[in-house]
Amino acid sequence: DLRKSRNETSLEFGKNGEIEQAKDFNINSDYFYLRYCHLSTKRADLNVGDMVKAGDLIGYTGVTGNAEKCLNPHLHFEIAMNPRYNRSTAYDPQTNKLGYKINPALFVNLQAIDKEKQ
């Protein structure tokens, strides 16, 4: 989870893709799914099937879903490989919808949380 001490920090999308689920924002960019969870109820004006490009506003950090008891708004960000394009295993659409998760820390410059500032 990526935490911010300010409420409703805006989130922008960094690549081109298509909105697949508008509740938590599953963004499909062919080979990878990018999933943004615990977003604020304050919403960007996006719907399933909308195309997004780098720099588009997709939402705001929040404490929704199973994060309702968290003290600070944050973003739960997931990267998952689209199983259709993973040739190392058989693809089963019933069991592998968002499988093959990848640690996003491998792709972004994350810094440790300063708990005293939280």
Protein backbone atom coordinates (compact mmCIF):
# COMPACT_ATOMS: atom_id res chain seq x y z
CA ASP A 1 0.00 0.00 0.00
CA LEU A 2 1.14 3.53 -0.76
CA ARG A 3 0.14 5.94 1.96
CA LYS A 4 -0.41 9.69 1.93
CA SER A 5 -1.14 11.78 5.00
CA ARG A 6 -3.37 14.21 3.11
CA ASN A 7 -6.91 13.13 2.27
CA GLU A 8 -7.91 12.46 -1.33
CA THR A 9 -4.54 12.81 -3.06
CA SER A 10 -5.13 12.70 -6.82
CA LEU A 11 -3.90 9.68 -8.79
CA GLU A 12 -2.83 9.93 -12.40
CA PHE A 13 -2.39 7.07 -14.84
CA GLY A 14 1.12 6.60 -16.22
CA LYS A 15 0.50 4.58 -19.42
CA ASN A 16 -2.21 4.04 -22.03
CA GLY A 17 -4.92 1.48 -21.31
CA GLU A 18 -8.61 0.68 -20.96
CA ILE A 19 -10.76 0.80 -17.81
CA GLU A 20 -12.00 -2.76 -17.14
CA GLN A 21 -13.65 -2.27 -13.76
CA ALA A 22 -14.72 1.15 -12.53
CA LYS A 23 -15.11 0.33 -8.81
CA ASP A 24 -11.42 -0.07 -7.92
CA PHE A 25 -10.07 0.62 -11.42
CA ASN A 26 -8.59 -2.41 -13.10
CA ILE A 27 -6.71 -0.98 -16.06
CA ASN A 28 -5.84 -3.42 -18.84
CA SER A 29 -2.92 -2.43 -21.01
CA ASP A 30 -2.73 -5.72 -22.98
CA TYR A 31 0.05 -7.51 -21.09
CA PHE A 32 -0.48 -6.20 -17.57
CA TYR A 33 -3.37 -5.26 -15.30
CA LEU A 34 -2.88 -2.24 -13.04
CA ARG A 35 -5.26 -2.28 -10.10
CA TYR A 36 -5.91 0.81 -7.94
CA CYS A 37 -7.82 -0.02 -4.73
CA HIS A 38 -9.22 1.80 -1.66
CA LEU A 39 -9.94 4.91 -3.73
CA SER A 40 -12.01 7.75 -2.30
CA THR A 41 -15.73 7.93 -3.07
CA LYS A 42 -14.84 11.24 -4.76
CA ARG A 43 -14.56 9.89 -8.30
CA ALA A 44 -12.94 10.79 -11.59
CA ASP A 45 -15.48 10.74 -14.42
CA LEU A 46 -14.53 7.32 -15.84
CA ASN A 47 -16.53 4.25 -16.81
CA VAL A 48 -15.82 0.67 -17.89
CA GLY A 49 -14.47 0.72 -21.45
CA ASP A 50 -13.07 4.27 -21.24
CA MET A 51 -9.57 4.68 -22.62
CA VAL A 52 -7.02 6.45 -20.42
CA LYS A 53 -3.63 7.88 -21.30
CA ALA A 54 -0.60 8.97 -19.33
CA GLY A 55 -1.43 11.91 -17.05
CA ASP A 56 -5.22 11.30 -16.91
CA LEU A 57 -6.83 11.66 -13.48
CA ILE A 58 -8.22 8.28 -12.44
CA GLY A 59 -9.17 8.88 -8.81
CA TYR A 60 -8.16 9.95 -5.32
CA THR A 61 -6.60 8.07 -2.41
CA GLY A 62 -9.08 6.89 0.19
CA VAL A 63 -10.01 4.31 2.82
CA THR A 64 -12.78 2.36 1.07
CA GLY A 65 -13.38 -1.40 0.92
CA ASN A 66 -11.58 -3.45 3.54
CA ALA A 67 -9.47 -0.37 4.43
CA GLU A 68 -12.34 1.48 6.15
CA LYS A 69 -10.63 1.23 9.56
CA CYS A 70 -7.27 2.57 8.34
CA LEU A 71 -6.22 5.88 9.84
CA ASN A 72 -4.80 7.42 6.66
CA PRO A 73 -5.99 7.45 3.05
CA HIS A 74 -3.78 5.32 0.85
CA LEU A 75 -3.55 3.54 -2.46
CA HIS A 76 -3.36 -0.25 -2.72
CA PHE A 77 -1.65 -0.70 -6.10
CA GLU A 78 -1.27 -4.07 -7.81
CA ILE A 79 0.37 -5.16 -11.04
CA ALA A 80 -0.66 -8.50 -12.50
CA MET A 81 0.39 -10.16 -15.73
CA ASN A 82 -2.47 -10.83 -18.11
CA PRO A 83 -2.61 -14.67 -18.12
CA ARG A 84 -3.56 -14.76 -21.81
CA TYR A 85 -0.07 -13.55 -22.71
CA ASN A 86 1.86 -15.67 -20.21
CA ARG A 87 3.03 -18.70 -22.18
CA SER A 88 4.64 -20.35 -19.17
CA THR A 89 1.34 -21.80 -17.87
CA ALA A 90 -2.06 -22.83 -19.20
CA TYR A 91 -4.69 -20.08 -19.17
CA ASP A 92 -7.96 -20.80 -17.35
CA PRO A 93 -10.28 -17.73 -17.38
CA GLN A 94 -12.29 -19.07 -14.42
CA THR A 95 -9.36 -19.30 -12.01
CA ASN A 96 -6.72 -16.90 -13.33
CA LYS A 97 -8.56 -13.59 -13.72
CA LEU A 98 -5.96 -11.46 -11.92
CA GLY A 99 -3.25 -14.02 -11.32
CA TYR A 100 0.50 -13.66 -11.71
CA LYS A 101 0.87 -10.66 -9.39
CA ILE A 102 4.09 -8.66 -9.61
CA ASN A 103 5.54 -6.49 -6.84
CA PRO A 104 5.09 -2.86 -8.02
CA ALA A 105 8.20 -1.84 -6.05
CA LEU A 106 10.22 -3.31 -8.93
CA PHE A 107 8.90 -0.56 -11.24
CA VAL A 108 8.65 2.55 -9.06
CA ASN A 109 10.89 4.45 -6.68
CA LEU A 110 9.25 3.80 -3.31
CA GLN A 111 10.48 5.40 -0.11
CA ALA A 112 9.98 4.11 3.41
CA ILE A 113 7.00 5.48 5.34
CA ASP A 114 7.94 7.99 8.03
CA LYS A 115 5.56 6.85 10.79
CA GLU A 116 6.17 9.98 12.87
CA LYS A 117 4.86 12.17 10.04
CA GLN A 118 1.81 9.95 9.61
